[in-house]
Amino acid sequence: MTGESDFHFSAAERANLKRYLTNGGFLLASAGCSNKDWDKAFRREMKAVFADIALKKIEMDHPVFKTVNTIEQLDLSHPAESPRLEGLEMNGKLVVIYSPHGLNDTEHTEGCCCCGGNEIRNSHEVNVNIFVYALLH
């Protein structure tokens, strides 16, 4: 899930997402071009879906950073900010992984109309790890 502007889930979409995630589903989301409006909307909607569970920073020693590739750090295209992934955990398993920075690897896309947001440059390795983590846990 990604985007670049404000959005709202309907009540039915919130209920479906909660049912999906509480029954073994998984969601990977990132703010396209590090869009602040999308970031705020995603956080608001996750809080509306899971009022009692908050997104938390995923520390670099978490298995998601070692599943296939050993990732020592997240490499931002504009390193003025501290890169991070955040997660929502249920019963010891991450069911949502979120990046406020793009995981879309727009840096290697030809003719991209990206605004030049803060993208995670090692997103290939990160996304592979996330995919395998979601399948194994």
C-alpha atoms as a PDB file:
ATOM      1  CA  MET A   1       0.000   0.000   0.000  1.00  0.00           C
ATOM      2  CA  THR A   2       1.393   3.359  -0.955  1.00  0.00           C
ATOM      3  CA  GLY A   3       0.209   6.805  -1.919  1.00  0.00           C
ATOM      4  CA  GLU A   4       0.913  10.495  -2.016  1.00  0.00           C
ATOM      5  CA  SER A   5      -2.069  12.299  -0.514  1.00  0.00           C
ATOM      6  CA  ASP A   6      -4.608  12.217   2.288  1.00  0.00           C
ATOM      7  CA  PHE A   7      -7.093   9.342   2.289  1.00  0.00           C
ATOM      8  CA  HIS A   8      -9.819   7.853   4.481  1.00  0.00           C
ATOM      9  CA  PHE A   9     -11.033   4.278   4.876  1.00  0.00           C
ATOM     10  CA  SER A  10     -14.746   3.676   5.075  1.00  0.00           C
ATOM     11  CA  ALA A  11     -16.119   1.870   8.130  1.00  0.00           C
ATOM     12  CA  ALA A  12     -16.415  -1.310   6.044  1.00  0.00           C
ATOM     13  CA  GLU A  13     -12.799  -1.005   4.833  1.00  0.00           C
ATOM     14  CA  ARG A  14     -11.585  -0.560   8.406  1.00  0.00           C
ATOM     15  CA  ALA A  15     -13.536  -3.611   9.558  1.00  0.00           C
ATOM     16  CA  ASN A  16     -12.257  -5.698   6.627  1.00  0.00           C
ATOM     17  CA  LEU A  17      -8.646  -4.660   7.234  1.00  0.00           C
ATOM     18  CA  LYS A  18      -8.915  -5.489  10.938  1.00  0.00           C
ATOM     19  CA  ARG A  19     -10.458  -8.889  10.174  1.00  0.00           C
ATOM     20  CA  TYR A  20      -7.775  -9.609   7.554  1.00  0.00           C
ATOM     21  CA  LEU A  21      -4.852  -8.697   9.837  1.00  0.00           C
ATOM     22  CA  THR A  22      -6.222 -10.431  12.946  1.00  0.00           C
ATOM     23  CA  ASN A  23      -6.710 -13.632  10.940  1.00  0.00           C
ATOM     24  CA  GLY A  24      -3.164 -14.004   9.641  1.00  0.00           C
ATOM     25  CA  GLY A  25      -2.996 -11.291   6.984  1.00  0.00           C
ATOM     26  CA  PHE A  26      -0.083  -8.941   6.416  1.00  0.00           C
ATOM     27  CA  LEU A  27       0.217  -5.341   5.179  1.00  0.00           C
ATOM     28  CA  LEU A  28       3.295  -3.543   3.870  1.00  0.00           C
ATOM     29  CA  ALA A  29       2.856   0.198   3.433  1.00  0.00           C
ATOM     30  CA  SER A  30       5.096   3.155   2.616  1.00  0.00           C
ATOM     31  CA  ALA A  31       4.517   6.820   1.974  1.00  0.00           C
ATOM     32  CA  GLY A  32       5.254   7.468  -1.693  1.00  0.00           C
ATOM     33  CA  CYS A  33       7.896  10.179  -2.055  1.00  0.00           C
ATOM     34  CA  SER A  34       7.857  10.472   1.760  1.00  0.00           C
ATOM     35  CA  ASN A  35       4.534  12.289   1.434  1.00  0.00           C
ATOM     36  CA  LYS A  36       3.597  13.839   4.787  1.00  0.00           C
ATOM     37  CA  ASP A  37      -0.161  13.940   4.064  1.00  0.00           C
ATOM     38  CA  TRP A  38      -0.194  10.211   3.274  1.00  0.00           C
ATOM     39  CA  ASP A  39       1.911   9.503   6.376  1.00  0.00           C
ATOM     40  CA  LYS A  40      -0.582  11.346   8.605  1.00  0.00           C
ATOM     41  CA  ALA A  41      -3.526   9.602   6.937  1.00  0.00           C
ATOM     42  CA  PHE A  42      -1.968   6.148   7.301  1.00  0.00           C
ATOM     43  CA  ARG A  43      -1.236   6.712  10.992  1.00  0.00           C
ATOM     44  CA  ARG A  44      -4.760   8.044  11.573  1.00  0.00           C
ATOM     45  CA  GLU A  45      -6.343   5.083   9.813  1.00  0.00           C
ATOM     46  CA  MET A  46      -4.213   2.495  11.651  1.00  0.00           C
ATOM     47  CA  LYS A  47      -5.231   4.112  14.933  1.00  0.00           C
ATOM     48  CA  ALA A  48      -8.887   3.960  13.873  1.00  0.00           C
ATOM     49  CA  VAL A  49      -8.535   0.259  12.993  1.00  0.00           C
ATOM     50  CA  PHE A  50      -6.411  -0.702  16.031  1.00  0.00           C
ATOM     51  CA  ALA A  51      -7.060   1.812  18.798  1.00  0.00           C
ATOM     52  CA  ASP A  52      -5.323  -0.402  21.365  1.00  0.00           C
ATOM     53  CA  ILE A  53      -2.185  -1.256  19.332  1.00  0.00           C
ATOM     54  CA  ALA A  54       0.261   1.413  18.155  1.00  0.00           C
ATOM     55  CA  LEU A  55       2.867   1.445  15.421  1.00  0.00           C
ATOM     56  CA  LYS A  56       6.324   1.080  16.975  1.00  0.00           C
ATOM     57  CA  LYS A  57       9.827   1.419  15.616  1.00  0.00           C
ATOM     58  CA  ILE A  58      11.291  -1.890  14.443  1.00  0.00           C
ATOM     59  CA  GLU A  59      14.803  -2.122  15.842  1.00  0.00           C
ATOM     60  CA  MET A  60      17.617  -3.178  13.511  1.00  0.00           C
ATOM     61  CA  ASP A  61      18.146  -6.432  15.437  1.00  0.00           C
ATOM     62  CA  HIS A  62      14.633  -7.643  14.534  1.00  0.00           C
ATOM     63  CA  PRO A  63      14.513 -10.825  12.398  1.00  0.00           C
ATOM     64  CA  VAL A  64      12.963  -8.865   9.512  1.00  0.00           C
ATOM     65  CA  PHE A  65      16.402  -7.338   8.929  1.00  0.00           C
ATOM     66  CA  LYS A  66      18.102 -10.747   8.791  1.00  0.00           C
ATOM     67  CA  THR A  67      15.584 -13.039   7.069  1.00  0.00           C
ATOM     68  CA  VAL A  68      17.406 -13.261   3.700  1.00  0.00           C
ATOM     69  CA  ASN A  69      19.749 -10.288   3.551  1.00  0.00           C
ATOM     70  CA  THR A  70      21.607  -8.953   6.561  1.00  0.00           C
ATOM     71  CA  ILE A  71      20.635  -5.298   6.639  1.00  0.00           C
ATOM     72  CA  GLU A  72      22.796  -3.222   8.954  1.00  0.00           C
ATOM     73  CA  GLN A  73      21.109   0.102   8.155  1.00  0.00           C
ATOM     74  CA  LEU A  74      18.438   1.688   6.022  1.00  0.00           C
ATOM     75  CA  ASP A  75      20.086   3.818   3.357  1.00  0.00           C
ATOM     76  CA  LEU A  76      18.139   7.006   2.627  1.00  0.00           C
ATOM     77  CA  SER A  77      18.596   9.017  -0.542  1.00  0.00           C
ATOM     78  CA  HIS A  78      18.618  12.202   1.607  1.00  0.00           C
ATOM     79  CA  PRO A  79      20.145  11.103   4.948  1.00  0.00           C
ATOM     80  CA  ALA A  80      19.186  14.211   6.923  1.00  0.00           C
ATOM     81  CA  GLU A  81      16.442  12.167   8.630  1.00  0.00           C
ATOM     82  CA  SER A  82      16.783   9.007  10.677  1.00  0.00           C
ATOM     83  CA  PRO A  83      15.446   6.112   8.601  1.00  0.00           C
ATOM     84  CA  ARG A  84      13.182   3.564  10.256  1.00  0.00           C
ATOM     85  CA  LEU A  85      10.555   0.960   9.712  1.00  0.00           C
ATOM     86  CA  GLU A  86       7.605   0.790  12.052  1.00  0.00           C
ATOM     87  CA  GLY A  87       5.409  -2.148  12.814  1.00  0.00           C
ATOM     88  CA  LEU A  88       2.168  -3.210  14.345  1.00  0.00           C
ATOM     89  CA  GLU A  89       2.514  -6.470  16.223  1.00  0.00           C
ATOM     90  CA  MET A  90      -0.105  -9.000  17.226  1.00  0.00           C
ATOM     91  CA  ASN A  91       0.684 -12.118  19.256  1.00  0.00           C
ATOM     92  CA  GLY A  92       4.423 -11.662  18.717  1.00  0.00           C
ATOM     93  CA  LYS A  93       4.152 -11.305  14.929  1.00  0.00           C
ATOM     94  CA  LEU A  94       4.414  -8.168  12.824  1.00  0.00           C
ATOM     95  CA  VAL A  95       1.196  -7.859  10.823  1.00  0.00           C
ATOM     96  CA  VAL A  96       1.906  -4.355   9.497  1.00  0.00           C
ATOM     97  CA  ILE A  97       5.259  -2.975   8.404  1.00  0.00           C
ATOM     98  CA  TYR A  98       5.272   0.712   7.575  1.00  0.00           C
ATOM     99  CA  SER A  99       7.895   3.073   6.226  1.00  0.00           C
ATOM    100  CA  PRO A 100       7.376   6.844   6.292  1.00  0.00           C
ATOM    101  CA  HIS A 101       9.992   6.851   3.522  1.00  0.00           C
ATOM    102  CA  GLY A 102       9.430   5.335   0.109  1.00  0.00           C
ATOM    103  CA  LEU A 103      10.199   1.648  -0.394  1.00  0.00           C
ATOM    104  CA  ASN A 104       9.490   1.943  -4.114  1.00  0.00           C
ATOM    105  CA  ASP A 105      13.072   2.269  -5.386  1.00  0.00           C
ATOM    106  CA  THR A 106      12.222   5.247  -7.584  1.00  0.00           C
ATOM    107  CA  GLU A 107      15.905   6.111  -7.722  1.00  0.00           C
ATOM    108  CA  HIS A 108      16.413   3.318 -10.270  1.00  0.00           C
ATOM    109  CA  THR A 109      13.289   4.078 -12.331  1.00  0.00           C
ATOM    110  CA  GLU A 110      13.660   5.738 -15.727  1.00  0.00           C
ATOM    111  CA  GLY A 111      11.358   8.653 -16.448  1.00  0.00           C
ATOM    112  CA  CYS A 112       9.966   8.670 -12.921  1.00  0.00           C
ATOM    113  CA  CYS A 113       7.876  11.695 -12.057  1.00  0.00           C
ATOM    114  CA  CYS A 114       8.788  11.340  -8.393  1.00  0.00           C
ATOM    115  CA  CYS A 115       9.076  14.567  -6.459  1.00  0.00           C
ATOM    116  CA  GLY A 116      12.428  13.511  -5.054  1.00  0.00           C
ATOM    117  CA  GLY A 117      11.197  12.415  -1.640  1.00  0.00           C
ATOM    118  CA  ASN A 118      13.370  10.544   0.770  1.00  0.00           C
ATOM    119  CA  GLU A 119      13.477   7.007  -0.631  1.00  0.00           C
ATOM    120  CA  ILE A 120      15.135   3.987   0.971  1.00  0.00           C
ATOM    121  CA  ARG A 121      17.878   3.134  -1.523  1.00  0.00           C
ATOM    122  CA  ASN A 122      18.391  -0.453  -0.341  1.00  0.00           C
ATOM    123  CA  SER A 123      14.669  -1.113  -0.759  1.00  0.00           C
ATOM    124  CA  HIS A 124      15.244  -4.252  -2.875  1.00  0.00           C
ATOM    125  CA  GLU A 125      16.934  -6.016   0.033  1.00  0.00           C
ATOM    126  CA  VAL A 126      14.443  -4.619   2.550  1.00  0.00           C
ATOM    127  CA  ASN A 127      11.414  -5.679   0.495  1.00  0.00           C
ATOM    128  CA  VAL A 128      12.794  -9.193  -0.061  1.00  0.00           C
ATOM    129  CA  ASN A 129      13.302  -9.580   3.687  1.00  0.00           C
ATOM    130  CA  ILE A 130       9.810  -8.284   4.438  1.00  0.00           C
ATOM    131  CA  PHE A 131       8.237 -10.621   1.891  1.00  0.00           C
ATOM    132  CA  VAL A 132      10.042 -13.684   3.276  1.00  0.00           C
ATOM    133  CA  TYR A 133       9.294 -12.625   6.875  1.00  0.00           C
ATOM    134  CA  ALA A 134       5.590 -12.371   6.044  1.00  0.00           C
ATOM    135  CA  LEU A 135       5.625 -15.858   4.530  1.00  0.00           C
ATOM    136  CA  LEU A 136       7.543 -17.496   7.387  1.00  0.00           C
ATOM    137  CA  HIS A 137       5.970 -15.892  10.452  1.00  0.00           C
END
